[in-house]
Amino acid sequence: MNYTYILEYILECEDHTYYTGWTNDLEKRFQSHLNGKGAKYTKSHRPLRIAYYEMHATKKEAMRREWRIKQMTKKEKAQLIKSPLTNVELFDKEKFRRAKFNRGLHILYAPSSGKVIMEMNDVAAEILCKDEVFVELPVQNNEDWETHEPVINRNGDFFSVNIASDDHPMEVDHHIAFVILQYEKGYRVVYFDEGEKPEVKFYQDEPVIAVYAYCNQHGLWCIEA
């Protein structure tokens, strides 16, 4: 993916530190960091995710902004990541996520039975299958993200996926119904019952590119893997 503008970005690393940089191709640059070729710092502080990004018209503006962010304390960077900014032109995070991670994946859900259909090609917003109505689920991006967005943790040779930093409720009226692991050429769905811990494990060599979680009260949530 190529851009005609410059993106200022902040990476969150495994040790909960932050790395700041700029690029005109965020996907490619992030992959370089994951491969240990992005910067000296990220070789020893493995990145977990792209925590924040801004859009700038020129390289000079991005470099100036990079210097300012690097002068911030860790607490100030955390506040920057969480706060809605009005003084800079922001890159549309929701559009970026859908373009990068969905890659043609459409998730349709039947509320009556709890069944899920995944389609890699374009589909109607609502379809009828075996007398059940399946409705496409949009990815959420609002103030509830802290209690719903999947969190990926490394445990030796495998990763575990939990919902939010604290355990999500698993009651009849409010629970995580399923988690989807999206691969480059497919997906894996894990369903959960009420009272069951919403956790999924996958090995380091599994080609997972995104994780989706569906809350029966607050919709579908997604994070890069």
Protein backbone atom coordinates (compact mmCIF):
# COMPACT_ATOMS: atom_id res chain seq x y z
CA MET A 1 0.00 0.00 0.00
CA ASN A 2 1.58 3.32 -1.08
CA TYR A 3 0.68 6.75 0.25
CA THR A 4 1.09 10.25 -1.19
CA TYR A 5 1.50 11.63 2.33
CA ILE A 6 3.72 10.92 5.32
CA LEU A 7 2.49 8.95 8.34
CA GLU A 8 3.85 9.63 11.82
CA TYR A 9 3.37 6.50 13.95
CA ILE A 10 3.85 5.10 17.43
CA LEU A 11 4.44 1.38 18.03
CA GLU A 12 3.66 -0.30 21.34
CA CYS A 13 6.31 -2.90 22.19
CA GLU A 14 6.13 -6.09 24.25
CA ASP A 15 7.71 -4.41 27.27
CA HIS A 16 5.04 -1.67 27.04
CA THR A 17 7.51 0.94 25.78
CA TYR A 18 6.88 3.03 22.68
CA TYR A 19 8.77 3.56 19.44
CA THR A 20 8.10 6.60 17.23
CA GLY A 21 8.87 6.96 13.53
CA TRP A 22 7.56 8.16 10.18
CA THR A 23 7.00 6.50 6.81
CA ASN A 24 5.06 6.75 3.55
CA ASP A 25 4.07 3.06 3.70
CA LEU A 26 2.85 2.06 7.15
CA GLU A 27 2.13 -1.60 6.40
CA LYS A 28 5.57 -2.20 4.88
CA ARG A 29 7.36 -0.29 7.63
CA PHE A 30 5.54 -2.15 10.40
CA GLN A 31 6.40 -5.48 8.79
CA SER A 32 10.07 -4.41 8.71
CA HIS A 33 9.92 -3.74 12.44
CA LEU A 34 8.38 -7.18 13.04
CA ASN A 35 11.19 -8.77 11.00
CA GLY A 36 13.85 -6.98 13.04
CA LYS A 37 14.86 -4.72 10.14
CA GLY A 38 12.93 -1.57 11.00
CA ALA A 39 15.15 0.03 13.64
CA LYS A 40 17.80 -0.86 16.20
CA TYR A 41 15.34 -0.25 19.05
CA THR A 42 12.66 -2.62 17.73
CA LYS A 43 15.21 -5.42 17.30
CA SER A 44 15.39 -5.75 21.10
CA HIS A 45 11.89 -4.41 21.87
CA ARG A 46 9.51 -6.43 19.66
CA PRO A 47 6.50 -4.37 18.48
CA LEU A 48 3.01 -5.61 19.36
CA ARG A 49 0.88 -3.17 17.42
CA ILE A 50 0.57 0.17 15.68
CA ALA A 51 -0.83 2.19 18.57
CA TYR A 52 -1.19 5.56 16.86
CA TYR A 53 -0.67 7.36 13.56
CA GLU A 54 -1.08 10.85 12.07
CA MET A 55 -1.05 12.08 8.48
CA HIS A 56 1.28 14.88 7.36
CA ALA A 57 1.68 16.61 4.01
CA THR A 58 5.49 16.75 3.99
CA LYS A 59 8.50 14.86 5.30
CA LYS A 60 9.66 18.00 7.12
CA GLU A 61 6.40 18.21 9.08
CA ALA A 62 6.60 14.54 10.01
CA MET A 63 10.21 14.84 11.20
CA ARG A 64 9.34 17.87 13.31
CA ARG A 65 6.38 16.00 14.83
CA GLU A 66 8.57 12.94 15.47
CA TRP A 67 11.02 15.06 17.46
CA ARG A 68 8.19 16.50 19.58
CA ILE A 69 6.71 13.09 20.35
CA LYS A 70 10.11 11.72 21.34
CA GLN A 71 10.40 14.50 23.93
CA MET A 72 7.19 13.31 25.61
CA THR A 73 7.15 11.14 28.72
CA LYS A 74 5.70 7.64 28.55
CA LYS A 75 2.55 8.89 30.29
CA GLU A 76 2.16 11.73 27.79
CA LYS A 77 2.51 9.29 24.88
CA ALA A 78 -0.15 7.03 26.41
CA GLN A 79 -2.49 10.02 26.72
CA LEU A 80 -1.78 11.00 23.12
CA ILE A 81 -2.68 7.50 21.94
CA LYS A 82 -6.00 7.48 23.84
CA SER A 83 -7.14 11.07 23.33
CA PRO A 84 -9.16 12.34 20.35
CA LEU A 85 -6.89 14.88 18.62
CA THR A 86 -8.14 18.01 16.87
CA ASN A 87 -4.87 19.83 16.11
CA VAL A 88 -3.54 17.36 13.54
CA GLU A 89 -5.03 15.70 10.47
CA LEU A 90 -5.63 12.10 11.49
CA PHE A 91 -5.48 9.08 9.25
CA ASP A 92 -8.84 7.29 9.32
CA LYS A 93 -8.12 4.37 11.65
CA GLU A 94 -11.36 2.53 10.92
CA LYS A 95 -10.88 2.62 7.13
CA PHE A 96 -7.26 1.58 7.53
CA ARG A 97 -8.18 -1.38 9.70
CA ARG A 98 -10.88 -2.61 7.35
CA ALA A 99 -8.69 -2.21 4.28
CA LYS A 100 -5.69 -3.88 5.87
CA PHE A 101 -7.16 -6.65 7.97
CA ASN A 102 -10.49 -7.61 6.39
CA ARG A 103 -8.91 -8.21 2.98
CA GLY A 104 -12.26 -9.25 1.57
CA LEU A 105 -13.44 -11.07 4.72
CA HIS A 106 -17.13 -10.47 5.40
CA ILE A 107 -18.59 -11.78 8.67
CA LEU A 108 -22.33 -12.45 8.75
CA TYR A 109 -24.23 -13.44 11.89
CA ALA A 110 -27.63 -15.02 12.54
CA PRO A 111 -28.93 -13.70 15.91
CA SER A 112 -31.61 -16.38 16.11
CA SER A 113 -29.15 -19.29 16.17
CA GLY A 114 -25.77 -17.68 16.84
CA LYS A 115 -24.32 -19.15 13.64
CA VAL A 116 -21.63 -17.32 11.68
CA ILE A 117 -20.81 -17.23 7.97
CA MET A 118 -17.48 -15.96 6.63
CA GLU A 119 -17.21 -14.92 2.99
CA MET A 120 -14.02 -13.83 1.20
CA ASN A 121 -15.95 -12.28 -1.70
CA ASP A 122 -18.40 -9.37 -1.80
CA VAL A 123 -21.78 -10.25 -0.31
CA ALA A 124 -25.09 -8.55 0.35
CA ALA A 125 -25.49 -6.84 3.72
CA GLU A 126 -28.16 -9.42 4.53
CA ILE A 127 -28.64 -12.94 3.17
CA LEU A 128 -31.07 -15.80 3.75
CA CYS A 129 -29.61 -19.27 4.30
CA LYS A 130 -31.70 -22.28 5.30
CA ASP A 131 -34.55 -20.03 6.52
CA GLU A 132 -32.17 -17.99 8.71
CA VAL A 133 -31.35 -14.33 8.15
CA PHE A 134 -27.62 -13.53 8.34
CA VAL A 135 -26.61 -9.88 8.73
CA GLU A 136 -23.11 -8.55 8.04
CA LEU A 137 -21.36 -7.30 11.19
CA PRO A 138 -19.49 -3.97 10.92
CA VAL A 139 -16.24 -3.56 12.87
CA GLN A 140 -16.78 -1.25 15.84
CA ASN A 141 -14.54 1.71 16.63
CA ASN A 142 -15.93 3.70 19.58
CA GLU A 143 -15.48 4.41 23.28
CA ASP A 144 -16.11 0.74 24.23
CA TRP A 145 -12.83 -0.46 22.65
CA GLU A 146 -10.99 -0.77 25.99
CA THR A 147 -13.47 -3.39 27.23
CA HIS A 148 -13.86 -5.30 23.97
CA GLU A 149 -10.79 -5.17 21.75
CA PRO A 150 -8.87 -8.48 21.63
CA VAL A 151 -5.52 -8.52 23.45
CA ILE A 152 -2.73 -10.82 22.21
CA ASN A 153 -0.12 -12.08 24.69
CA ARG A 154 2.98 -14.13 23.94
CA ASN A 155 3.56 -17.26 26.06
CA GLY A 156 6.69 -19.02 24.84
CA ASP A 157 6.02 -20.62 21.46
CA PHE A 158 2.33 -19.74 21.37
CA PHE A 159 0.05 -16.73 21.74
CA SER A 160 -3.14 -16.36 23.76
CA VAL A 161 -6.02 -14.07 22.85
CA ASN A 162 -8.13 -12.56 25.61
CA ILE A 163 -10.83 -9.91 25.42
CA ALA A 164 -9.68 -6.53 26.76
CA SER A 165 -7.18 -6.15 29.58
CA ASP A 166 -9.79 -7.35 32.10
CA ASP A 167 -11.96 -10.42 31.65
CA HIS A 168 -15.09 -9.68 29.65
CA PRO A 169 -18.46 -10.69 31.20
CA MET A 170 -19.69 -14.11 30.10
CA GLU A 171 -23.31 -13.94 31.20
CA VAL A 172 -26.41 -14.92 29.24
CA ASP A 173 -27.30 -11.32 28.39
CA HIS A 174 -23.74 -10.09 27.88
CA HIS A 175 -20.95 -12.31 26.58
CA ILE A 176 -18.39 -12.96 23.86
CA ALA A 177 -20.12 -15.30 21.42
CA PHE A 178 -17.11 -16.13 19.23
CA VAL A 179 -13.56 -15.22 18.26
CA ILE A 180 -12.24 -15.45 14.69
CA LEU A 181 -8.58 -15.86 13.78
CA GLN A 182 -8.06 -14.59 10.23
CA TYR A 183 -5.24 -16.06 8.13
CA GLU A 184 -3.88 -14.92 4.79
CA LYS A 185 -6.03 -17.52 3.03
CA GLY A 186 -8.66 -18.54 5.56
CA TYR A 187 -9.90 -18.32 9.12
CA ARG A 188 -10.64 -20.27 12.33
CA VAL A 189 -13.76 -19.70 14.47
CA VAL A 190 -13.96 -20.48 18.19
CA TYR A 191 -17.39 -20.34 19.86
CA PHE A 192 -17.95 -19.76 23.59
CA ASP A 193 -20.70 -20.68 26.03
CA GLU A 194 -21.88 -18.49 28.90
CA GLY A 195 -19.49 -18.79 31.84
CA GLU A 196 -16.60 -19.99 29.65
CA LYS A 197 -13.42 -17.91 29.54
CA PRO A 198 -13.14 -16.23 26.09
CA GLU A 199 -9.56 -17.25 25.36
CA VAL A 200 -8.00 -18.65 22.18
CA LYS A 201 -4.46 -19.97 21.70
CA PHE A 202 -2.46 -20.17 18.49
CA TYR A 203 1.14 -21.06 17.74
CA GLN A 204 3.82 -18.62 16.64
CA ASP A 205 4.08 -20.15 13.15
CA GLU A 206 0.35 -19.84 12.43
CA PRO A 207 -0.13 -17.11 9.76
CA VAL A 208 -2.69 -15.09 11.77
CA ILE A 209 -3.10 -11.54 10.44
CA ALA A 210 -6.09 -10.38 12.51
CA VAL A 211 -8.32 -11.37 15.42
CA TYR A 212 -12.05 -10.62 15.66
CA ALA A 213 -14.27 -10.87 18.74
CA TYR A 214 -18.06 -10.57 18.80
CA CYS A 215 -19.94 -9.31 21.87
CA ASN A 216 -23.68 -9.98 21.78
CA GLN A 217 -24.30 -6.50 23.23
CA HIS A 218 -21.61 -4.32 21.66
CA GLY A 219 -20.82 -5.87 18.29
CA LEU A 220 -17.70 -6.95 16.41
CA TRP A 221 -14.17 -5.85 17.35
CA CYS A 222 -10.86 -6.36 15.57
CA ILE A 223 -7.13 -6.01 16.15
CA GLU A 224 -4.07 -6.86 14.06
CA ALA A 225 -2.10 -9.96 15.06
